[in-house]
mmCIF file of all heavy atoms, coordinates in Angstrom:
data_MODEL
# 
_entry.id   MODEL 
# 
loop_
_atom_site.group_PDB 
_atom_site.id 
_atom_site.type_symbol 
_atom_site.label_atom_id 
_atom_site.label_alt_id 
_atom_site.label_comp_id 
_atom_site.label_asym_id 
_atom_site.label_entity_id 
_atom_site.label_seq_id 
_atom_site.pdbx_PDB_ins_code 
_atom_site.Cartn_x 
_atom_site.Cartn_y 
_atom_site.Cartn_z 
_atom_site.occupancy 
_atom_site.B_iso_or_equiv 
_atom_site.pdbx_formal_charge 
_atom_site.auth_seq_id 
_atom_site.auth_comp_id 
_atom_site.auth_asym_id 
_atom_site.auth_atom_id 
_atom_site.pdbx_PDB_model_num 
ATOM 1   N N   . GLN A 1 1  ? 129.082 166.743 55.786 1.00 0.00 ? 1  GLN A N   1 
ATOM 2   C CA  . GLN A 1 1  ? 129.445 166.093 57.083 1.00 0.00 ? 1  GLN A CA  1 
ATOM 3   C C   . GLN A 1 1  ? 128.214 165.702 57.752 1.00 0.00 ? 1  GLN A C   1 
ATOM 4   O O   . GLN A 1 1  ? 128.076 164.546 58.366 1.00 0.00 ? 1  GLN A O   1 
ATOM 5   C CB  . GLN A 1 1  ? 130.200 167.073 57.959 1.00 0.00 ? 1  GLN A CB  1 
ATOM 6   C CG  . GLN A 1 1  ? 130.717 166.485 59.306 1.00 0.00 ? 1  GLN A CG  1 
ATOM 7   C CD  . GLN A 1 1  ? 131.597 165.228 59.160 1.00 0.00 ? 1  GLN A CD  1 
ATOM 8   O OE1 . GLN A 1 1  ? 132.727 165.434 58.532 1.00 0.00 ? 1  GLN A OE1 1 
ATOM 9   N NE2 . GLN A 1 1  ? 131.267 164.053 59.687 1.00 0.00 ? 1  GLN A NE2 1 
ATOM 10  N N   . ALA A 1 2  ? 127.183 166.442 57.764 1.00 0.00 ? 2  ALA A N   1 
ATOM 11  C CA  . ALA A 1 2  ? 125.820 166.149 58.404 1.00 0.00 ? 2  ALA A CA  1 
ATOM 12  C C   . ALA A 1 2  ? 125.212 164.850 57.712 1.00 0.00 ? 2  ALA A C   1 
ATOM 13  O O   . ALA A 1 2  ? 124.676 164.052 58.381 1.00 0.00 ? 2  ALA A O   1 
ATOM 14  C CB  . ALA A 1 2  ? 124.927 167.298 58.377 1.00 0.00 ? 2  ALA A CB  1 
ATOM 15  N N   . VAL A 1 3  ? 125.345 164.840 56.333 1.00 0.00 ? 3  VAL A N   1 
ATOM 16  C CA  . VAL A 1 3  ? 124.738 163.736 55.572 1.00 0.00 ? 3  VAL A CA  1 
ATOM 17  C C   . VAL A 1 3  ? 125.496 162.424 55.947 1.00 0.00 ? 3  VAL A C   1 
ATOM 18  O O   . VAL A 1 3  ? 124.887 161.413 56.191 1.00 0.00 ? 3  VAL A O   1 
ATOM 19  C CB  . VAL A 1 3  ? 124.851 164.029 54.044 1.00 0.00 ? 3  VAL A CB  1 
ATOM 20  C CG1 . VAL A 1 3  ? 124.542 162.723 53.334 1.00 0.00 ? 3  VAL A CG1 1 
ATOM 21  C CG2 . VAL A 1 3  ? 123.891 165.028 53.763 1.00 0.00 ? 3  VAL A CG2 1 
ATOM 22  N N   . MET A 1 4  ? 126.901 162.596 56.096 1.00 0.00 ? 4  MET A N   1 
ATOM 23  C CA  . MET A 1 4  ? 127.783 161.438 56.389 1.00 0.00 ? 4  MET A CA  1 
ATOM 24  C C   . MET A 1 4  ? 127.383 160.894 57.837 1.00 0.00 ? 4  MET A C   1 
ATOM 25  O O   . MET A 1 4  ? 127.275 159.736 58.070 1.00 0.00 ? 4  MET A O   1 
ATOM 26  C CB  . MET A 1 4  ? 129.204 161.826 56.391 1.00 0.00 ? 4  MET A CB  1 
ATOM 27  C CG  . MET A 1 4  ? 130.140 160.753 56.663 1.00 0.00 ? 4  MET A CG  1 
ATOM 28  S SD  . MET A 1 4  ? 131.903 161.134 56.487 1.00 0.00 ? 4  MET A SD  1 
ATOM 29  C CE  . MET A 1 4  ? 132.670 159.601 57.041 1.00 0.00 ? 4  MET A CE  1 
ATOM 30  N N   . ASP A 1 5  ? 127.114 161.821 58.745 1.00 0.00 ? 5  ASP A N   1 
ATOM 31  C CA  . ASP A 1 5  ? 126.736 161.431 60.155 1.00 0.00 ? 5  ASP A CA  1 
ATOM 32  C C   . ASP A 1 5  ? 125.401 160.722 60.090 1.00 0.00 ? 5  ASP A C   1 
ATOM 33  O O   . ASP A 1 5  ? 125.148 159.699 60.791 1.00 0.00 ? 5  ASP A O   1 
ATOM 34  C CB  . ASP A 1 5  ? 126.531 162.673 60.988 1.00 0.00 ? 5  ASP A CB  1 
ATOM 35  C CG  . ASP A 1 5  ? 127.965 163.255 61.326 1.00 0.00 ? 5  ASP A CG  1 
ATOM 36  O OD1 . ASP A 1 5  ? 129.006 162.637 61.181 1.00 0.00 ? 5  ASP A OD1 1 
ATOM 37  O OD2 . ASP A 1 5  ? 127.906 164.504 61.689 1.00 0.00 ? 5  ASP A OD2 1 
ATOM 38  N N   . LYS A 1 6  ? 124.455 161.159 59.291 1.00 0.00 ? 6  LYS A N   1 
ATOM 39  C CA  . LYS A 1 6  ? 123.104 160.551 59.210 1.00 0.00 ? 6  LYS A CA  1 
ATOM 40  C C   . LYS A 1 6  ? 123.290 159.128 58.586 1.00 0.00 ? 6  LYS A C   1 
ATOM 41  O O   . LYS A 1 6  ? 122.663 158.156 59.050 1.00 0.00 ? 6  LYS A O   1 
ATOM 42  C CB  . LYS A 1 6  ? 122.244 161.360 58.433 1.00 0.00 ? 6  LYS A CB  1 
ATOM 43  C CG  . LYS A 1 6  ? 120.768 160.913 58.281 1.00 0.00 ? 6  LYS A CG  1 
ATOM 44  C CD  . LYS A 1 6  ? 120.195 160.874 59.731 1.00 0.00 ? 6  LYS A CD  1 
ATOM 45  C CE  . LYS A 1 6  ? 118.729 160.429 59.738 1.00 0.00 ? 6  LYS A CE  1 
ATOM 46  N NZ  . LYS A 1 6  ? 117.806 161.562 59.270 1.00 0.00 ? 6  LYS A NZ  1 
ATOM 47  N N   . LEU A 1 7  ? 124.112 159.039 57.441 1.00 0.00 ? 7  LEU A N   1 
ATOM 48  C CA  . LEU A 1 7  ? 124.245 157.816 56.725 1.00 0.00 ? 7  LEU A CA  1 
ATOM 49  C C   . LEU A 1 7  ? 124.843 156.682 57.660 1.00 0.00 ? 7  LEU A C   1 
ATOM 50  O O   . LEU A 1 7  ? 124.725 155.514 57.320 1.00 0.00 ? 7  LEU A O   1 
ATOM 51  C CB  . LEU A 1 7  ? 125.020 157.915 55.434 1.00 0.00 ? 7  LEU A CB  1 
ATOM 52  C CG  . LEU A 1 7  ? 124.290 158.677 54.331 1.00 0.00 ? 7  LEU A CG  1 
ATOM 53  C CD1 . LEU A 1 7  ? 125.270 159.011 53.172 1.00 0.00 ? 7  LEU A CD1 1 
ATOM 54  C CD2 . LEU A 1 7  ? 123.046 157.855 53.862 1.00 0.00 ? 7  LEU A CD2 1 
ATOM 55  N N   . THR A 1 8  ? 125.704 157.116 58.573 1.00 0.00 ? 8  THR A N   1 
ATOM 56  C CA  . THR A 1 8  ? 126.376 156.159 59.392 1.00 0.00 ? 8  THR A CA  1 
ATOM 57  C C   . THR A 1 8  ? 125.796 155.924 60.852 1.00 0.00 ? 8  THR A C   1 
ATOM 58  O O   . THR A 1 8  ? 126.344 155.332 61.652 1.00 0.00 ? 8  THR A O   1 
ATOM 59  C CB  . THR A 1 8  ? 127.883 156.651 59.614 1.00 0.00 ? 8  THR A CB  1 
ATOM 60  O OG1 . THR A 1 8  ? 127.858 157.931 60.133 1.00 0.00 ? 8  THR A OG1 1 
ATOM 61  C CG2 . THR A 1 8  ? 128.586 156.594 58.341 1.00 0.00 ? 8  THR A CG2 1 
ATOM 62  N N   . SER A 1 9  ? 124.544 156.499 61.010 1.00 0.00 ? 9  SER A N   1 
ATOM 63  C CA  . SER A 1 9  ? 123.856 156.302 62.220 1.00 0.00 ? 9  SER A CA  1 
ATOM 64  C C   . SER A 1 9  ? 123.059 154.942 62.225 1.00 0.00 ? 9  SER A C   1 
ATOM 65  O O   . SER A 1 9  ? 122.614 154.553 61.102 1.00 0.00 ? 9  SER A O   1 
ATOM 66  C CB  . SER A 1 9  ? 122.963 157.459 62.490 1.00 0.00 ? 9  SER A CB  1 
ATOM 67  O OG  . SER A 1 9  ? 121.883 157.455 61.552 1.00 0.00 ? 9  SER A OG  1 
ATOM 68  N N   . PRO A 1 10 ? 122.798 154.353 63.414 1.00 0.00 ? 10 PRO A N   1 
ATOM 69  C CA  . PRO A 1 10 ? 122.075 153.097 63.451 1.00 0.00 ? 10 PRO A CA  1 
ATOM 70  C C   . PRO A 1 10 ? 120.605 153.305 62.826 1.00 0.00 ? 10 PRO A C   1 
ATOM 71  O O   . PRO A 1 10 ? 120.068 152.299 62.381 1.00 0.00 ? 10 PRO A O   1 
ATOM 72  C CB  . PRO A 1 10 ? 121.988 152.769 64.962 1.00 0.00 ? 10 PRO A CB  1 
ATOM 73  C CG  . PRO A 1 10 ? 123.221 153.459 65.530 1.00 0.00 ? 10 PRO A CG  1 
ATOM 74  C CD  . PRO A 1 10 ? 123.410 154.746 64.734 1.00 0.00 ? 10 PRO A CD  1 
ATOM 75  N N   . ALA A 1 11 ? 119.972 154.478 63.013 1.00 0.00 ? 11 ALA A N   1 
ATOM 76  C CA  . ALA A 1 11 ? 118.684 154.795 62.591 1.00 0.00 ? 11 ALA A CA  1 
ATOM 77  C C   . ALA A 1 11 ? 118.465 154.630 61.123 1.00 0.00 ? 11 ALA A C   1 
ATOM 78  O O   . ALA A 1 11 ? 117.370 154.463 60.619 1.00 0.00 ? 11 ALA A O   1 
ATOM 79  C CB  . ALA A 1 11 ? 118.182 156.143 63.058 1.00 0.00 ? 11 ALA A CB  1 
ATOM 80  N N   . ILE A 1 12 ? 119.638 154.645 60.368 1.00 0.00 ? 12 ILE A N   1 
ATOM 81  C CA  . ILE A 1 12 ? 119.552 154.625 58.932 1.00 0.00 ? 12 ILE A CA  1 
ATOM 82  C C   . ILE A 1 12 ? 119.262 153.140 58.297 1.00 0.00 ? 12 ILE A C   1 
ATOM 83  O O   . ILE A 1 12 ? 118.784 152.957 57.213 1.00 0.00 ? 12 ILE A O   1 
ATOM 84  C CB  . ILE A 1 12 ? 120.733 155.145 58.289 1.00 0.00 ? 12 ILE A CB  1 
ATOM 85  C CG1 . ILE A 1 12 ? 120.440 155.773 56.876 1.00 0.00 ? 12 ILE A CG1 1 
ATOM 86  C CG2 . ILE A 1 12 ? 121.875 154.088 58.057 1.00 0.00 ? 12 ILE A CG2 1 
ATOM 87  C CD1 . ILE A 1 12 ? 119.613 157.077 56.938 1.00 0.00 ? 12 ILE A CD1 1 
ATOM 88  N N   . ILE A 1 13 ? 119.536 152.148 59.247 1.00 0.00 ? 13 ILE A N   1 
ATOM 89  C CA  . ILE A 1 13 ? 119.509 150.684 58.747 1.00 0.00 ? 13 ILE A CA  1 
ATOM 90  C C   . ILE A 1 13 ? 118.145 150.341 58.084 1.00 0.00 ? 13 ILE A C   1 
ATOM 91  O O   . ILE A 1 13 ? 118.118 149.874 57.007 1.00 0.00 ? 13 ILE A O   1 
ATOM 92  C CB  . ILE A 1 13 ? 119.856 149.894 59.830 1.00 0.00 ? 13 ILE A CB  1 
ATOM 93  C CG1 . ILE A 1 13 ? 121.302 150.020 60.226 1.00 0.00 ? 13 ILE A CG1 1 
ATOM 94  C CG2 . ILE A 1 13 ? 119.641 148.348 59.356 1.00 0.00 ? 13 ILE A CG2 1 
ATOM 95  C CD1 . ILE A 1 13 ? 121.712 149.181 61.439 1.00 0.00 ? 13 ILE A CD1 1 
ATOM 96  N N   . PRO A 1 14 ? 117.010 150.731 58.641 1.00 0.00 ? 14 PRO A N   1 
ATOM 97  C CA  . PRO A 1 14 ? 115.667 150.367 58.138 1.00 0.00 ? 14 PRO A CA  1 
ATOM 98  C C   . PRO A 1 14 ? 115.477 151.097 56.770 1.00 0.00 ? 14 PRO A C   1 
ATOM 99  O O   . PRO A 1 14 ? 114.614 150.753 56.020 1.00 0.00 ? 14 PRO A O   1 
ATOM 100 C CB  . PRO A 1 14 ? 114.627 150.729 59.155 1.00 0.00 ? 14 PRO A CB  1 
ATOM 101 C CG  . PRO A 1 14 ? 115.444 150.886 60.464 1.00 0.00 ? 14 PRO A CG  1 
ATOM 102 C CD  . PRO A 1 14 ? 116.746 151.345 60.082 1.00 0.00 ? 14 PRO A CD  1 
ATOM 103 N N   . ARG A 1 15 ? 116.134 152.222 56.552 1.00 0.00 ? 15 ARG A N   1 
ATOM 104 C CA  . ARG A 1 15 ? 115.908 153.068 55.396 1.00 0.00 ? 15 ARG A CA  1 
ATOM 105 C C   . ARG A 1 15 ? 116.806 152.673 54.161 1.00 0.00 ? 15 ARG A C   1 
ATOM 106 O O   . ARG A 1 15 ? 116.658 153.186 53.166 1.00 0.00 ? 15 ARG A O   1 
ATOM 107 C CB  . ARG A 1 15 ? 116.098 154.477 55.706 1.00 0.00 ? 15 ARG A CB  1 
ATOM 108 C CG  . ARG A 1 15 ? 115.118 155.086 56.695 1.00 0.00 ? 15 ARG A CG  1 
ATOM 109 C CD  . ARG A 1 15 ? 115.523 156.562 56.917 1.00 0.00 ? 15 ARG A CD  1 
ATOM 110 N NE  . ARG A 1 15 ? 114.483 157.245 57.766 1.00 0.00 ? 15 ARG A NE  1 
ATOM 111 C CZ  . ARG A 1 15 ? 113.496 157.819 57.357 1.00 0.00 ? 15 ARG A CZ  1 
ATOM 112 N NH1 . ARG A 1 15 ? 113.202 157.898 56.048 1.00 0.00 ? 15 ARG A NH1 1 
ATOM 113 N NH2 . ARG A 1 15 ? 112.553 158.395 58.165 1.00 0.00 ? 15 ARG A NH2 1 
ATOM 114 N N   . ILE A 1 16 ? 117.793 151.764 54.383 1.00 0.00 ? 16 ILE A N   1 
ATOM 115 C CA  . ILE A 1 16 ? 118.768 151.482 53.346 1.00 0.00 ? 16 ILE A CA  1 
ATOM 116 C C   . ILE A 1 16 ? 118.075 151.061 52.006 1.00 0.00 ? 16 ILE A C   1 
ATOM 117 O O   . ILE A 1 16 ? 118.454 151.548 51.002 1.00 0.00 ? 16 ILE A O   1 
ATOM 118 C CB  . ILE A 1 16 ? 119.765 150.353 53.886 1.00 0.00 ? 16 ILE A CB  1 
ATOM 119 C CG1 . ILE A 1 16 ? 120.615 151.056 54.922 1.00 0.00 ? 16 ILE A CG1 1 
ATOM 120 C CG2 . ILE A 1 16 ? 120.529 149.821 52.714 1.00 0.00 ? 16 ILE A CG2 1 
ATOM 121 C CD1 . ILE A 1 16 ? 121.639 150.095 55.569 1.00 0.00 ? 16 ILE A CD1 1 
ATOM 122 N N   . PRO A 1 17 ? 117.149 150.065 52.039 1.00 0.00 ? 17 PRO A N   1 
ATOM 123 C CA  . PRO A 1 17 ? 116.499 149.793 50.697 1.00 0.00 ? 17 PRO A CA  1 
ATOM 124 C C   . PRO A 1 17 ? 115.877 150.972 49.990 1.00 0.00 ? 17 PRO A C   1 
ATOM 125 O O   . PRO A 1 17 ? 116.092 151.118 48.780 1.00 0.00 ? 17 PRO A O   1 
ATOM 126 C CB  . PRO A 1 17 ? 115.450 148.755 51.108 1.00 0.00 ? 17 PRO A CB  1 
ATOM 127 C CG  . PRO A 1 17 ? 115.999 148.197 52.373 1.00 0.00 ? 17 PRO A CG  1 
ATOM 128 C CD  . PRO A 1 17 ? 116.605 149.245 53.137 1.00 0.00 ? 17 PRO A CD  1 
ATOM 129 N N   . ALA A 1 18 ? 115.151 151.792 50.650 1.00 0.00 ? 18 ALA A N   1 
ATOM 130 C CA  . ALA A 1 18 ? 114.614 152.925 50.134 1.00 0.00 ? 18 ALA A CA  1 
ATOM 131 C C   . ALA A 1 18 ? 115.641 153.962 49.660 1.00 0.00 ? 18 ALA A C   1 
ATOM 132 O O   . ALA A 1 18 ? 115.422 154.616 48.620 1.00 0.00 ? 18 ALA A O   1 
ATOM 133 C CB  . ALA A 1 18 ? 113.602 153.686 51.161 1.00 0.00 ? 18 ALA A CB  1 
ATOM 134 N N   . ILE A 1 19 ? 116.760 154.171 50.363 1.00 0.00 ? 19 ILE A N   1 
ATOM 135 C CA  . ILE A 1 19 ? 117.764 155.061 50.031 1.00 0.00 ? 19 ILE A CA  1 
ATOM 136 C C   . ILE A 1 19 ? 118.427 154.670 48.739 1.00 0.00 ? 19 ILE A C   1 
ATOM 137 O O   . ILE A 1 19 ? 118.623 155.387 47.830 1.00 0.00 ? 19 ILE A O   1 
ATOM 138 C CB  . ILE A 1 19 ? 118.881 155.115 51.185 1.00 0.00 ? 19 ILE A CB  1 
ATOM 139 C CG1 . ILE A 1 19 ? 118.251 155.754 52.436 1.00 0.00 ? 19 ILE A CG1 1 
ATOM 140 C CG2 . ILE A 1 19 ? 120.088 155.959 50.705 1.00 0.00 ? 19 ILE A CG2 1 
ATOM 141 C CD1 . ILE A 1 19 ? 119.089 155.764 53.632 1.00 0.00 ? 19 ILE A CD1 1 
ATOM 142 N N   . VAL A 1 20 ? 118.869 153.331 48.656 1.00 0.00 ? 20 VAL A N   1 
ATOM 143 C CA  . VAL A 1 20 ? 119.478 152.822 47.459 1.00 0.00 ? 20 VAL A CA  1 
ATOM 144 C C   . VAL A 1 20 ? 118.590 152.960 46.248 1.00 0.00 ? 20 VAL A C   1 
ATOM 145 O O   . VAL A 1 20 ? 119.013 153.395 45.253 1.00 0.00 ? 20 VAL A O   1 
ATOM 146 C CB  . VAL A 1 20 ? 119.941 151.400 47.643 1.00 0.00 ? 20 VAL A CB  1 
ATOM 147 C CG1 . VAL A 1 20 ? 120.506 150.795 46.356 1.00 0.00 ? 20 VAL A CG1 1 
ATOM 148 C CG2 . VAL A 1 20 ? 120.957 151.305 48.798 1.00 0.00 ? 20 VAL A CG2 1 
ATOM 149 N N   . LYS A 1 21 ? 117.251 152.709 46.464 1.00 0.00 ? 21 LYS A N   1 
ATOM 150 C CA  . LYS A 1 21 ? 116.335 152.785 45.381 1.00 0.00 ? 21 LYS A CA  1 
ATOM 151 C C   . LYS A 1 21 ? 116.196 154.204 44.893 1.00 0.00 ? 21 LYS A C   1 
ATOM 152 O O   . LYS A 1 21 ? 116.201 154.453 43.647 1.00 0.00 ? 21 LYS A O   1 
ATOM 153 C CB  . LYS A 1 21 ? 114.934 152.240 45.762 1.00 0.00 ? 21 LYS A CB  1 
ATOM 154 C CG  . LYS A 1 21 ? 113.884 152.413 44.747 1.00 0.00 ? 21 LYS A CG  1 
ATOM 155 C CD  . LYS A 1 21 ? 112.553 151.892 45.308 1.00 0.00 ? 21 LYS A CD  1 
ATOM 156 C CE  . LYS A 1 21 ? 111.471 151.985 44.231 1.00 0.00 ? 21 LYS A CE  1 
ATOM 157 N NZ  . LYS A 1 21 ? 110.106 151.572 44.718 1.00 0.00 ? 21 LYS A NZ  1 
ATOM 158 N N   . GLU A 1 22 ? 116.145 155.111 45.803 1.00 0.00 ? 22 GLU A N   1 
ATOM 159 C CA  . GLU A 1 22 ? 116.038 156.562 45.449 1.00 0.00 ? 22 GLU A CA  1 
ATOM 160 C C   . GLU A 1 22 ? 117.267 157.128 44.769 1.00 0.00 ? 22 GLU A C   1 
ATOM 161 O O   . GLU A 1 22 ? 117.159 157.856 43.790 1.00 0.00 ? 22 GLU A O   1 
ATOM 162 C CB  . GLU A 1 22 ? 115.748 157.317 46.661 1.00 0.00 ? 22 GLU A CB  1 
ATOM 163 C CG  . GLU A 1 22 ? 115.224 158.857 46.490 1.00 0.00 ? 22 GLU A CG  1 
ATOM 164 C CD  . GLU A 1 22 ? 113.867 158.757 45.663 1.00 0.00 ? 22 GLU A CD  1 
ATOM 165 O OE1 . GLU A 1 22 ? 112.850 158.409 46.197 1.00 0.00 ? 22 GLU A OE1 1 
ATOM 166 O OE2 . GLU A 1 22 ? 113.896 159.193 44.465 1.00 0.00 ? 22 GLU A OE2 1 
ATOM 167 N N   . VAL A 1 23 ? 118.471 156.714 45.321 1.00 0.00 ? 23 VAL A N   1 
ATOM 168 C CA  . VAL A 1 23 ? 119.686 157.237 44.746 1.00 0.00 ? 23 VAL A CA  1 
ATOM 169 C C   . VAL A 1 23 ? 119.812 156.728 43.344 1.00 0.00 ? 23 VAL A C   1 
ATOM 170 O O   . VAL A 1 23 ? 120.122 157.377 42.408 1.00 0.00 ? 23 VAL A O   1 
ATOM 171 C CB  . VAL A 1 23 ? 120.841 156.660 45.557 1.00 0.00 ? 23 VAL A CB  1 
ATOM 172 C CG1 . VAL A 1 23 ? 122.259 156.847 44.871 1.00 0.00 ? 23 VAL A CG1 1 
ATOM 173 C CG2 . VAL A 1 23 ? 120.962 157.422 46.836 1.00 0.00 ? 23 VAL A CG2 1 
ATOM 174 N N   . ILE A 1 24 ? 119.509 155.396 43.119 1.00 0.00 ? 24 ILE A N   1 
ATOM 175 C CA  . ILE A 1 24 ? 119.629 154.734 41.730 1.00 0.00 ? 24 ILE A CA  1 
ATOM 176 C C   . ILE A 1 24 ? 118.771 155.519 40.715 1.00 0.00 ? 24 ILE A C   1 
ATOM 177 O O   . ILE A 1 24 ? 119.044 155.722 39.521 1.00 0.00 ? 24 ILE A O   1 
ATOM 178 C CB  . ILE A 1 24 ? 119.390 153.320 41.825 1.00 0.00 ? 24 ILE A CB  1 
ATOM 179 C CG1 . ILE A 1 24 ? 120.412 152.578 42.561 1.00 0.00 ? 24 ILE A CG1 1 
ATOM 180 C CG2 . ILE A 1 24 ? 119.295 152.711 40.344 1.00 0.00 ? 24 ILE A CG2 1 
ATOM 181 C CD1 . ILE A 1 24 ? 121.822 152.640 42.004 1.00 0.00 ? 24 ILE A CD1 1 
# 
């Protein structure tokens, strides 16, 4: 639930490319 809250917060937008790259 905490991860979901973080992923849906506005602060996560600049991190999206890095997140997708790390997940993949």
